[in-house]
Amino acid sequence: MAGATVEAEYDVPVDAWYFRESRQPQMPFSVLLEIGLQPCGWLAAYLGSALTSPIDLSFRNLDGKAVQHRAVTPASGTLTVHVKITRISSSGGMIIQGYDFVVSDSDGPVYSGDTVFGFFSKESLAQQVGVRDAKLYAPPAAELNRARSFPYPPAAPFPAEMLRMVDSIDLFVPDGGPAGLGFIRGSKKINPEEWFFKAHFFEDPVCPGSLGLESFLQLLKVVAVERWGGDEHSIFETVALGQEQRWNYRGQIVPTNQLVQIEAVITSVDAAGHLLKANGFLSVDGRTIYQLHDFTLRMHL
C-alpha cells in the first residue's frame, strides 16, 4: 500500500564490533545503510507483500541514492528511522516497491535518501544478467605497464579482518583513468563460511549489497592514503558529508561464487579538502552486478 509508513529505532552500542573492526570513530557506511534500509524490508513483510504470490519470493535492493548529513559515533545514542512506501507495482511475477527513508539522532537527520526494492522468484534471480551495457574502464598498455599490485593493507587506518572486504589490490595507477586522476581494482575471494552469509537472509544466504559498497569505499581509502599519506590515527568520513551517492544492483553474491572484483575510477579530487569522488563497478565471477555513482571519501589527517 503506497503511503504506508513505519518508525523504527536502533540503539548504537558504544562498544559495537563494527567500530572496532573499522578502526574508525564513525559508523561504517555499510552499517548506516543497513539501518536505513532494513525497516523497508520489515514494512514490506508487515504489509504481506510477498503473500500475494503463490511461490516463494526473495527480497532484494535494486537502486538507491542518499546523503549523509552528520557522523554517527558511539555517542550517537538512539537512531530513529522513518520509512515511507512511495510506490508499488507488479509485473511478470515481480513486485517493485519504492521507499523514502530518513535516519535521525536526537539532533536531527544524519542520513536520508530514497531506494527501490523488489521481490523476485528464485528462477528470476538465477537468470539475472547483471548491469546492462556496463562500460568498465580498460586501462591502456601504458597504464598497465606502470600499474602496481599489493595485498590490501592490514593495519590501521584500514579495516580489520571481519569488515575487510578487499583481499588484494590487483591494479593501481595513481594517475590512470579517463581523467588521469586514478584507477584502482581490487578483489576478494569468496568464503562460503563468512559471517554475513549466515546472517543475511534467513534460508536465503546472500552477501549484503551494503558490504559490496563498503568494498568500494575501502578501495578509495587506499587511493587517499597513497595520495596524501596518513597513519593509524587518520580518520575517514563514512562517506563525505553532504555528498549524494547512488547505487544500482543487478545481481547477487552467493556462497557458491568464487571471486569478487571491484574497481573505481577517480572522477574528481579536492586536494585542499582531501576529498575523492569516484564511479565504479563490482563484478562476481566475471559478471558485472553493481554500479556505483558519485561515491565520495574525505580524509582527515
C-alpha atoms as a PDB file:
ATOM      1  CA  MET A   1       0.000   0.000   0.000  1.00  0.00           C
ATOM      2  CA  ALA A   2       1.665   3.223  -1.150  1.00  0.00           C
ATOM      3  CA  GLY A   3       1.775   5.806   1.618  1.00  0.00           C
ATOM      4  CA  ALA A   4       2.320   3.270   4.417  1.00  0.00           C
ATOM      5  CA  THR A   5       4.938   4.321   6.959  1.00  0.00           C
ATOM      6  CA  VAL A   6       6.913   2.831   9.802  1.00  0.00           C
ATOM      7  CA  GLU A   7       9.175   4.245  12.506  1.00  0.00           C
ATOM      8  CA  ALA A   8      11.995   2.044  13.808  1.00  0.00           C
ATOM      9  CA  GLU A   9      14.772   2.602  16.337  1.00  0.00           C
ATOM     10  CA  TYR A  10      18.349   1.407  16.610  1.00  0.00           C
ATOM     11  CA  ASP A  11      20.422   1.902  19.767  1.00  0.00           C
ATOM     12  CA  VAL A  12      24.077   2.422  18.813  1.00  0.00           C
ATOM     13  CA  PRO A  13      26.204   0.324  21.215  1.00  0.00           C
ATOM     14  CA  VAL A  14      29.230   2.234  22.477  1.00  0.00           C
ATOM     15  CA  ASP A  15      31.310  -0.949  22.100  1.00  0.00           C
ATOM     16  CA  ALA A  16      29.837  -2.202  18.804  1.00  0.00           C
ATOM     17  CA  TRP A  17      32.040  -4.651  16.908  1.00  0.00           C
ATOM     18  CA  TYR A  18      31.945  -2.540  13.755  1.00  0.00           C
ATOM     19  CA  PHE A  19      33.709   0.408  15.394  1.00  0.00           C
ATOM     20  CA  ARG A  20      36.489  -1.946  16.461  1.00  0.00           C
ATOM     21  CA  GLU A  21      36.724  -3.670  13.098  1.00  0.00           C
ATOM     22  CA  SER A  22      36.574  -0.475  11.045  1.00  0.00           C
ATOM     23  CA  ARG A  23      39.269   1.104  13.248  1.00  0.00           C
ATOM     24  CA  GLN A  24      37.444   4.385  12.877  1.00  0.00           C
ATOM     25  CA  PRO A  25      35.435   6.584  15.273  1.00  0.00           C
ATOM     26  CA  GLN A  26      32.493   6.807  12.835  1.00  0.00           C
ATOM     27  CA  MET A  27      29.933   4.127  11.983  1.00  0.00           C
ATOM     28  CA  PRO A  28      30.895   2.279   8.774  1.00  0.00           C
ATOM     29  CA  PHE A  29      28.856   3.090   5.686  1.00  0.00           C
ATOM     30  CA  SER A  30      27.552  -0.471   5.345  1.00  0.00           C
ATOM     31  CA  VAL A  31      26.092  -0.415   8.871  1.00  0.00           C
ATOM     32  CA  LEU A  32      24.488   3.003   8.420  1.00  0.00           C
ATOM     33  CA  LEU A  33      22.969   1.889   5.121  1.00  0.00           C
ATOM     34  CA  GLU A  34      21.519  -1.259   6.711  1.00  0.00           C
ATOM     35  CA  ILE A  35      19.973   0.833   9.483  1.00  0.00           C
ATOM     36  CA  GLY A  36      18.260   2.945   6.841  1.00  0.00           C
ATOM     37  CA  LEU A  37      17.110   0.077   4.632  1.00  0.00           C
ATOM     38  CA  GLN A  38      16.181  -2.790   6.955  1.00  0.00           C
ATOM     39  CA  PRO A  39      12.934  -1.126   8.113  1.00  0.00           C
ATOM     40  CA  CYS A  40      11.896  -1.096   4.443  1.00  0.00           C
ATOM     41  CA  GLY A  41      12.018  -4.889   4.484  1.00  0.00           C
ATOM     42  CA  TRP A  42      10.111  -5.032   7.745  1.00  0.00           C
ATOM     43  CA  LEU A  43       7.359  -2.801   6.374  1.00  0.00           C
ATOM     44  CA  ALA A  44       7.080  -4.885   3.196  1.00  0.00           C
ATOM     45  CA  ALA A  45       6.784  -8.054   5.290  1.00  0.00           C
ATOM     46  CA  TYR A  46       4.236  -6.496   7.672  1.00  0.00           C
ATOM     47  CA  LEU A  47       2.036  -5.483   4.726  1.00  0.00           C
ATOM     48  CA  GLY A  48       2.179  -9.049   3.391  1.00  0.00           C
ATOM     49  CA  SER A  49       3.678  -8.055   0.042  1.00  0.00           C
ATOM     50  CA  ALA A  50       5.132 -11.499  -0.702  1.00  0.00           C
ATOM     51  CA  LEU A  51       1.872 -13.225   0.253  1.00  0.00           C
ATOM     52  CA  THR A  52       0.314 -12.004  -2.988  1.00  0.00           C
ATOM     53  CA  SER A  53       2.385 -14.629  -4.861  1.00  0.00           C
ATOM     54  CA  PRO A  54       1.776 -18.397  -4.800  1.00  0.00           C
ATOM     55  CA  ILE A  55       5.554 -19.052  -4.887  1.00  0.00           C
ATOM     56  CA  ASP A  56       8.377 -18.114  -2.518  1.00  0.00           C
ATOM     57  CA  LEU A  57       9.916 -14.738  -3.277  1.00  0.00           C
ATOM     58  CA  SER A  58      13.252 -13.205  -2.264  1.00  0.00           C
ATOM     59  CA  PHE A  59      13.599  -9.553  -1.223  1.00  0.00           C
ATOM     60  CA  ARG A  60      16.409  -7.602  -2.894  1.00  0.00           C
ATOM     61  CA  ASN A  61      17.540  -3.977  -3.024  1.00  0.00           C
ATOM     62  CA  LEU A  62      17.777  -2.634  -6.584  1.00  0.00           C
ATOM     63  CA  ASP A  63      18.662   1.071  -6.542  1.00  0.00           C
ATOM     64  CA  GLY A  64      19.143   3.966  -4.223  1.00  0.00           C
ATOM     65  CA  LYS A  65      20.513   7.408  -3.661  1.00  0.00           C
ATOM     66  CA  ALA A  66      21.261   9.061  -0.351  1.00  0.00           C
ATOM     67  CA  VAL A  67      23.208  11.732   1.526  1.00  0.00           C
ATOM     68  CA  GLN A  68      24.898  11.527   4.910  1.00  0.00           C
ATOM     69  CA  HIS A  69      24.446  14.764   6.823  1.00  0.00           C
ATOM     70  CA  ARG A  70      26.392  14.157  10.028  1.00  0.00           C
ATOM     71  CA  ALA A  71      28.639  11.490  11.522  1.00  0.00           C
ATOM     72  CA  VAL A  72      27.306   8.615  13.616  1.00  0.00           C
ATOM     73  CA  THR A  73      29.600   7.738  16.531  1.00  0.00           C
ATOM     74  CA  PRO A  74      29.449   5.564  19.685  1.00  0.00           C
ATOM     75  CA  ALA A  75      27.961   8.614  21.424  1.00  0.00           C
ATOM     76  CA  SER A  76      25.056   8.989  18.992  1.00  0.00           C
ATOM     77  CA  GLY A  77      22.647   7.016  21.165  1.00  0.00           C
ATOM     78  CA  THR A  78      19.330   6.036  19.610  1.00  0.00           C
ATOM     79  CA  LEU A  79      18.790   6.420  15.878  1.00  0.00           C
ATOM     80  CA  THR A  80      15.212   6.751  14.665  1.00  0.00           C
ATOM     81  CA  VAL A  81      14.355   5.609  11.149  1.00  0.00           C
ATOM     82  CA  HIS A  82      11.298   6.931   9.300  1.00  0.00           C
ATOM     83  CA  VAL A  83      10.341   4.928   6.192  1.00  0.00           C
ATOM     84  CA  LYS A  84       7.519   5.544   3.715  1.00  0.00           C
ATOM     85  CA  ILE A  85       6.446   3.428   0.743  1.00  0.00           C
ATOM     86  CA  THR A  86       6.115   5.777  -2.221  1.00  0.00           C
ATOM     87  CA  ARG A  87       5.064   3.368  -4.984  1.00  0.00           C
ATOM     88  CA  ILE A  88       4.219  -0.280  -5.650  1.00  0.00           C
ATOM     89  CA  SER A  89       3.973  -2.098  -8.964  1.00  0.00           C
ATOM     90  CA  SER A  90       3.719  -5.735 -10.057  1.00  0.00           C
ATOM     91  CA  SER A  91       4.753  -7.300 -13.355  1.00  0.00           C
ATOM     92  CA  GLY A  92       5.721 -10.759 -14.549  1.00  0.00           C
ATOM     93  CA  GLY A  93       5.627 -12.229 -11.052  1.00  0.00           C
ATOM     94  CA  MET A  94       7.875  -9.461  -9.657  1.00  0.00           C
ATOM     95  CA  ILE A  95       6.862  -6.828  -7.118  1.00  0.00           C
ATOM     96  CA  ILE A  96       8.704  -3.480  -7.153  1.00  0.00           C
ATOM     97  CA  GLN A  97       8.459  -1.025  -4.267  1.00  0.00           C
ATOM     98  CA  GLY A  98       9.884   2.473  -3.797  1.00  0.00           C
ATOM     99  CA  TYR A  99      10.710   3.960  -0.407  1.00  0.00           C
ATOM    100  CA  ASP A 100      11.847   7.210   1.199  1.00  0.00           C
ATOM    101  CA  PHE A 101      13.887   6.936   4.399  1.00  0.00           C
ATOM    102  CA  VAL A 102      15.372   9.301   6.993  1.00  0.00           C
ATOM    103  CA  VAL A 103      17.723   8.228   9.794  1.00  0.00           C
ATOM    104  CA  SER A 104      17.904  10.736  12.675  1.00  0.00           C
ATOM    105  CA  ASP A 105      19.529  11.118  16.049  1.00  0.00           C
ATOM    106  CA  SER A 106      18.372  13.463  18.815  1.00  0.00           C
ATOM    107  CA  ASP A 107      19.735  16.470  16.896  1.00  0.00           C
ATOM    108  CA  GLY A 108      18.064  15.704  13.560  1.00  0.00           C
ATOM    109  CA  PRO A 109      18.722  13.812  10.317  1.00  0.00           C
ATOM    110  CA  VAL A 110      22.050  12.011   9.878  1.00  0.00           C
ATOM    111  CA  TYR A 111      21.269  10.070   6.675  1.00  0.00           C
ATOM    112  CA  SER A 112      18.409  10.298   4.167  1.00  0.00           C
ATOM    113  CA  GLY A 113      17.500   9.101   0.711  1.00  0.00           C
ATOM    114  CA  ASP A 114      15.217   7.000  -1.435  1.00  0.00           C
ATOM    115  CA  THR A 115      15.522   3.425  -2.586  1.00  0.00           C
ATOM    116  CA  VAL A 116      13.850   0.681  -4.617  1.00  0.00           C
ATOM    117  CA  PHE A 117      13.363  -2.936  -3.569  1.00  0.00           C
ATOM    118  CA  GLY A 118      11.935  -5.893  -5.425  1.00  0.00           C
ATOM    119  CA  PHE A 119      10.504  -9.328  -4.679  1.00  0.00           C
ATOM    120  CA  PHE A 120      11.821 -11.957  -7.095  1.00  0.00           C
ATOM    121  CA  SER A 121      11.403 -15.676  -7.653  1.00  0.00           C
ATOM    122  CA  LYS A 122      14.431 -17.960  -7.361  1.00  0.00           C
ATOM    123  CA  GLU A 123      14.171 -18.535 -11.111  1.00  0.00           C
ATOM    124  CA  SER A 124      14.342 -14.837 -11.974  1.00  0.00           C
ATOM    125  CA  LEU A 125      17.306 -14.312  -9.640  1.00  0.00           C
ATOM    126  CA  ALA A 126      19.162 -17.177 -11.314  1.00  0.00           C
ATOM    127  CA  GLN A 127      18.611 -15.556 -14.704  1.00  0.00           C
ATOM    128  CA  GLN A 128      19.951 -12.103 -13.782  1.00  0.00           C
ATOM    129  CA  VAL A 129      22.375 -10.899 -16.443  1.00  0.00           C
ATOM    130  CA  GLY A 130      23.999  -8.109 -14.439  1.00  0.00           C
ATOM    131  CA  VAL A 131      24.380  -4.416 -15.288  1.00  0.00           C
ATOM    132  CA  ARG A 132      23.321  -3.953 -18.902  1.00  0.00           C
ATOM    133  CA  ASP A 133      25.727  -2.024 -21.138  1.00  0.00           C
ATOM    134  CA  ALA A 134      28.261  -1.687 -18.304  1.00  0.00           C
ATOM    135  CA  LYS A 135      31.264   0.250 -19.613  1.00  0.00           C
ATOM    136  CA  LEU A 136      34.171  -0.774 -17.408  1.00  0.00           C
ATOM    137  CA  TYR A 137      37.397   1.148 -17.828  1.00  0.00           C
ATOM    138  CA  ALA A 138      40.044  -0.692 -19.872  1.00  0.00           C
ATOM    139  CA  PRO A 139      43.498   0.646 -18.922  1.00  0.00           C
ATOM    140  CA  PRO A 140      45.752   1.152 -21.954  1.00  0.00           C
ATOM    141  CA  ALA A 141      49.120  -0.594 -22.185  1.00  0.00           C
ATOM    142  CA  ALA A 142      50.987   2.432 -20.840  1.00  0.00           C
ATOM    143  CA  GLU A 143      48.927   2.354 -17.630  1.00  0.00           C
ATOM    144  CA  LEU A 144      49.214  -1.398 -17.261  1.00  0.00           C
ATOM    145  CA  ASN A 145      52.992  -1.141 -17.553  1.00  0.00           C
ATOM    146  CA  ARG A 146      53.245   1.206 -14.580  1.00  0.00           C
ATOM    147  CA  ALA A 147      50.436  -0.286 -12.500  1.00  0.00           C
ATOM    148  CA  ARG A 148      51.129  -1.610  -9.012  1.00  0.00           C
ATOM    149  CA  SER A 149      49.641  -4.571  -7.176  1.00  0.00           C
ATOM    150  CA  PHE A 150      49.885  -5.472  -3.475  1.00  0.00           C
ATOM    151  CA  PRO A 151      47.926  -7.107  -0.632  1.00  0.00           C
ATOM    152  CA  TYR A 152      45.256  -4.930   0.922  1.00  0.00           C
ATOM    153  CA  PRO A 153      46.904  -3.078   3.845  1.00  0.00           C
ATOM    154  CA  PRO A 154      46.167  -4.985   7.080  1.00  0.00           C
ATOM    155  CA  ALA A 155      46.892  -2.226   9.628  1.00  0.00           C
ATOM    156  CA  ALA A 156      45.012   0.901  10.737  1.00  0.00           C
ATOM    157  CA  PRO A 157      43.580   3.129   9.418  1.00  0.00           C
ATOM    158  CA  PHE A 158      42.342   0.319   7.173  1.00  0.00           C
ATOM    159  CA  PRO A 159      39.671  -2.097   8.474  1.00  0.00           C
ATOM    160  CA  ALA A 160      40.369  -5.270  10.406  1.00  0.00           C
ATOM    161  CA  GLU A 161      39.531  -8.754   9.125  1.00  0.00           C
ATOM    162  CA  MET A 162      35.813  -9.008   9.902  1.00  0.00           C
ATOM    163  CA  LEU A 163      34.985  -5.835   7.981  1.00  0.00           C
ATOM    164  CA  ARG A 164      37.752  -6.047   5.385  1.00  0.00           C
ATOM    165  CA  MET A 165      36.031  -6.624   2.048  1.00  0.00           C
ATOM    166  CA  VAL A 166      39.104  -6.495  -0.202  1.00  0.00           C
ATOM    167  CA  ASP A 167      41.902  -9.091  -0.122  1.00  0.00           C
ATOM    168  CA  SER A 168      44.267  -7.558  -2.634  1.00  0.00           C
ATOM    169  CA  ILE A 169      44.865  -4.533  -4.815  1.00  0.00           C
ATOM    170  CA  ASP A 170      45.304  -6.059  -8.257  1.00  0.00           C
ATOM    171  CA  LEU A 171      45.833  -2.894 -10.286  1.00  0.00           C
ATOM    172  CA  PHE A 172      46.572   0.621  -9.070  1.00  0.00           C
ATOM    173  CA  VAL A 173      47.534   3.504 -11.327  1.00  0.00           C
ATOM    174  CA  PRO A 174      47.578   6.775  -9.321  1.00  0.00           C
ATOM    175  CA  ASP A 175      47.374   8.883 -12.497  1.00  0.00           C
ATOM    176  CA  GLY A 176      45.256   6.439 -14.515  1.00  0.00           C
ATOM    177  CA  GLY A 177      41.638   6.516 -15.589  1.00  0.00           C
ATOM    178  CA  PRO A 178      39.839   8.734 -18.121  1.00  0.00           C
ATOM    179  CA  ALA A 179      40.577  11.914 -16.157  1.00  0.00           C
ATOM    180  CA  GLY A 180      44.143  10.940 -15.200  1.00  0.00           C
ATOM    181  CA  LEU A 181      43.163  11.143 -11.520  1.00  0.00           C
ATOM    182  CA  GLY A 182      43.459   7.482 -10.622  1.00  0.00           C
ATOM    183  CA  PHE A 183      42.229   3.967 -11.300  1.00  0.00           C
ATOM    184  CA  ILE A 184      42.181   1.080  -8.850  1.00  0.00           C
ATOM    185  CA  ARG A 185      40.941  -2.507  -8.977  1.00  0.00           C
ATOM    186  CA  GLY A 186      40.771  -4.937  -6.075  1.00  0.00           C
ATOM    187  CA  SER A 187      39.437  -8.417  -5.430  1.00  0.00           C
ATOM    188  CA  LYS A 188      38.119 -10.679  -2.694  1.00  0.00           C
ATOM    189  CA  LYS A 189      37.916 -14.471  -2.700  1.00  0.00           C
ATOM    190  CA  ILE A 190      34.545 -15.701  -1.512  1.00  0.00           C
ATOM    191  CA  ASN A 191      34.473 -17.860   1.596  1.00  0.00           C
ATOM    192  CA  PRO A 192      31.073 -19.585   1.894  1.00  0.00           C
ATOM    193  CA  GLU A 193      31.522 -19.728   5.692  1.00  0.00           C
ATOM    194  CA  GLU A 194      31.777 -15.969   6.177  1.00  0.00           C
ATOM    195  CA  TRP A 195      29.602 -14.433   8.870  1.00  0.00           C
ATOM    196  CA  PHE A 196      27.388 -12.384   6.573  1.00  0.00           C
ATOM    197  CA  PHE A 197      26.121 -15.422   4.660  1.00  0.00           C
ATOM    198  CA  LYS A 198      24.899 -16.867   7.969  1.00  0.00           C
ATOM    199  CA  ALA A 199      23.154 -13.629   8.903  1.00  0.00           C
ATOM    200  CA  HIS A 200      21.577 -12.467   5.621  1.00  0.00           C
ATOM    201  CA  PHE A 201      18.943 -13.670   4.754  1.00  0.00           C
ATOM    202  CA  PHE A 202      17.206 -16.478   6.688  1.00  0.00           C
ATOM    203  CA  GLU A 203      17.336 -19.576   4.443  1.00  0.00           C
ATOM    204  CA  ASP A 204      18.422 -17.286   1.586  1.00  0.00           C
ATOM    205  CA  PRO A 205      22.180 -16.626   2.014  1.00  0.00           C
ATOM    206  CA  VAL A 206      23.475 -13.671   0.013  1.00  0.00           C
ATOM    207  CA  CYS A 207      26.190 -11.103   0.648  1.00  0.00           C
ATOM    208  CA  PRO A 208      24.562  -7.798   1.649  1.00  0.00           C
ATOM    209  CA  GLY A 209      24.864  -5.212  -1.101  1.00  0.00           C
ATOM    210  CA  SER A 210      25.964  -2.741   1.571  1.00  0.00           C
ATOM    211  CA  LEU A 211      29.180  -4.739   2.027  1.00  0.00           C
ATOM    212  CA  GLY A 212      29.818  -4.505  -1.707  1.00  0.00           C
ATOM    213  CA  LEU A 213      29.540  -0.728  -1.427  1.00  0.00           C
ATOM    214  CA  GLU A 214      31.825  -0.902   1.613  1.00  0.00           C
ATOM    215  CA  SER A 215      34.455  -2.663  -0.506  1.00  0.00           C
ATOM    216  CA  PHE A 216      34.350   0.215  -2.989  1.00  0.00           C
ATOM    217  CA  LEU A 217      34.973   2.759  -0.230  1.00  0.00           C
ATOM    218  CA  GLN A 218      37.832   0.583   1.013  1.00  0.00           C
ATOM    219  CA  LEU A 219      39.473   0.981  -2.394  1.00  0.00           C
ATOM    220  CA  LEU A 220      39.131   4.752  -2.077  1.00  0.00           C
ATOM    221  CA  LYS A 221      40.866   4.612   1.312  1.00  0.00           C
ATOM    222  CA  VAL A 222      43.916   3.128  -0.404  1.00  0.00           C
ATOM    223  CA  VAL A 223      43.866   5.880  -3.030  1.00  0.00           C
ATOM    224  CA  ALA A 224      43.562   8.584  -0.343  1.00  0.00           C
ATOM    225  CA  VAL A 225      46.446   7.263   1.764  1.00  0.00           C
ATOM    226  CA  GLU A 226      48.635   6.821  -1.313  1.00  0.00           C
ATOM    227  CA  ARG A 227      47.873  10.407  -2.377  1.00  0.00           C
ATOM    228  CA  TRP A 228      48.021  12.246   0.937  1.00  0.00           C
ATOM    229  CA  GLY A 229      49.838   9.923   3.329  1.00  0.00           C
ATOM    230  CA  GLY A 230      48.423   9.174   6.763  1.00  0.00           C
ATOM    231  CA  ASP A 231      48.920   6.829   9.691  1.00  0.00           C
ATOM    232  CA  GLU A 232      46.912   4.751  12.140  1.00  0.00           C
ATOM    233  CA  HIS A 233      45.324   7.929  13.523  1.00  0.00           C
ATOM    234  CA  SER A 234      43.943   9.117  10.185  1.00  0.00           C
ATOM    235  CA  ILE A 235      40.146   9.429  10.035  1.00  0.00           C
ATOM    236  CA  PHE A 236      37.852   8.841   7.073  1.00  0.00           C
ATOM    237  CA  GLU A 237      34.337  10.219   6.928  1.00  0.00           C
ATOM    238  CA  THR A 238      31.952   7.285   6.409  1.00  0.00           C
ATOM    239  CA  VAL A 239      31.168   8.886   3.083  1.00  0.00           C
ATOM    240  CA  ALA A 240      31.892  12.584   2.549  1.00  0.00           C
ATOM    241  CA  LEU A 241      29.202  14.526   4.405  1.00  0.00           C
ATOM    242  CA  GLY A 242      26.728  16.385   2.242  1.00  0.00           C
ATOM    243  CA  GLN A 243      27.659  14.470  -0.924  1.00  0.00           C
ATOM    244  CA  GLU A 244      24.991  12.365  -2.678  1.00  0.00           C
ATOM    245  CA  GLN A 245      25.873   8.829  -3.718  1.00  0.00           C
ATOM    246  CA  ARG A 246      23.877   6.460  -5.970  1.00  0.00           C
ATOM    247  CA  TRP A 247      23.946   2.697  -6.467  1.00  0.00           C
ATOM    248  CA  ASN A 248      22.361   0.064  -8.702  1.00  0.00           C
ATOM    249  CA  TYR A 249      22.263  -3.682  -8.000  1.00  0.00           C
ATOM    250  CA  ARG A 250      21.578  -6.104 -10.846  1.00  0.00           C
ATOM    251  CA  GLY A 251      22.804  -9.347  -9.360  1.00  0.00           C
ATOM    252  CA  GLN A 252      23.898 -11.013  -6.148  1.00  0.00           C
ATOM    253  CA  ILE A 253      26.881 -12.643  -4.460  1.00  0.00           C
ATOM    254  CA  VAL A 254      26.064 -16.106  -3.104  1.00  0.00           C
ATOM    255  CA  PRO A 255      28.202 -18.715  -1.280  1.00  0.00           C
ATOM    256  CA  THR A 256      28.802 -20.735  -4.460  1.00  0.00           C
ATOM    257  CA  ASN A 257      30.515 -17.808  -6.201  1.00  0.00           C
ATOM    258  CA  GLN A 258      34.304 -17.667  -6.318  1.00  0.00           C
ATOM    259  CA  LEU A 259      35.704 -14.165  -6.813  1.00  0.00           C
ATOM    260  CA  VAL A 260      34.526 -10.578  -6.385  1.00  0.00           C
ATOM    261  CA  GLN A 261      36.295  -7.785  -8.264  1.00  0.00           C
ATOM    262  CA  ILE A 262      35.780  -4.099  -7.501  1.00  0.00           C
ATOM    263  CA  GLU A 263      37.092  -1.155  -9.468  1.00  0.00           C
ATOM    264  CA  ALA A 264      36.986   2.602  -9.112  1.00  0.00           C
ATOM    265  CA  VAL A 265      37.700   5.457 -11.500  1.00  0.00           C
ATOM    266  CA  ILE A 266      38.509   8.708  -9.695  1.00  0.00           C
ATOM    267  CA  THR A 267      36.426  11.478 -11.252  1.00  0.00           C
ATOM    268  CA  SER A 268      37.456  14.476  -9.130  1.00  0.00           C
ATOM    269  CA  VAL A 269      39.976  15.381  -6.451  1.00  0.00           C
ATOM    270  CA  ASP A 270      39.801  18.236  -3.938  1.00  0.00           C
ATOM    271  CA  ALA A 271      43.391  18.360  -2.733  1.00  0.00           C
ATOM    272  CA  ALA A 272      42.774  21.088  -0.147  1.00  0.00           C
ATOM    273  CA  GLY A 273      39.804  19.240   1.345  1.00  0.00           C
ATOM    274  CA  HIS A 274      41.333  15.750   0.954  1.00  0.00           C
ATOM    275  CA  LEU A 275      38.199  14.685  -0.922  1.00  0.00           C
ATOM    276  CA  LEU A 276      37.902  11.990  -3.617  1.00  0.00           C
ATOM    277  CA  LYS A 277      34.897  11.279  -5.828  1.00  0.00           C
ATOM    278  CA  ALA A 278      34.638   8.109  -7.902  1.00  0.00           C
ATOM    279  CA  ASN A 279      32.443   5.921 -10.064  1.00  0.00           C
ATOM    280  CA  GLY A 280      32.829   2.199 -10.419  1.00  0.00           C
ATOM    281  CA  PHE A 281      31.589  -1.349 -10.680  1.00  0.00           C
ATOM    282  CA  LEU A 282      31.547  -4.607  -8.767  1.00  0.00           C
ATOM    283  CA  SER A 283      31.683  -7.933 -10.590  1.00  0.00           C
ATOM    284  CA  VAL A 284      31.379 -11.518  -9.410  1.00  0.00           C
ATOM    285  CA  ASP A 285      32.883 -14.395 -11.409  1.00  0.00           C
ATOM    286  CA  GLY A 286      33.187 -12.105 -14.410  1.00  0.00           C
ATOM    287  CA  ARG A 287      29.618 -10.743 -14.339  1.00  0.00           C
ATOM    288  CA  THR A 288      29.210  -7.038 -13.513  1.00  0.00           C
ATOM    289  CA  ILE A 289      26.388  -6.769 -10.985  1.00  0.00           C
ATOM    290  CA  TYR A 290      26.760  -3.428  -9.109  1.00  0.00           C
ATOM    291  CA  GLN A 291      27.229   0.075 -10.463  1.00  0.00           C
ATOM    292  CA  LEU A 292      28.255   2.973  -8.207  1.00  0.00           C
ATOM    293  CA  HIS A 293      27.933   6.663  -8.978  1.00  0.00           C
ATOM    294  CA  ASP A 294      29.500   9.655  -7.209  1.00  0.00           C
ATOM    295  CA  PHE A 295      30.763   7.878  -4.121  1.00  0.00           C
ATOM    296  CA  THR A 296      32.980  10.193  -2.106  1.00  0.00           C
ATOM    297  CA  LEU A 297      35.581   9.829   0.613  1.00  0.00           C
ATOM    298  CA  ARG A 298      37.037  12.598   2.768  1.00  0.00           C
ATOM    299  CA  MET A 299      40.204  12.004   4.759  1.00  0.00           C
ATOM    300  CA  HIS A 300      41.252  13.844   7.922  1.00  0.00           C
ATOM    301  CA  LEU A 301      44.993  13.596   8.585  1.00  0.00           C
END
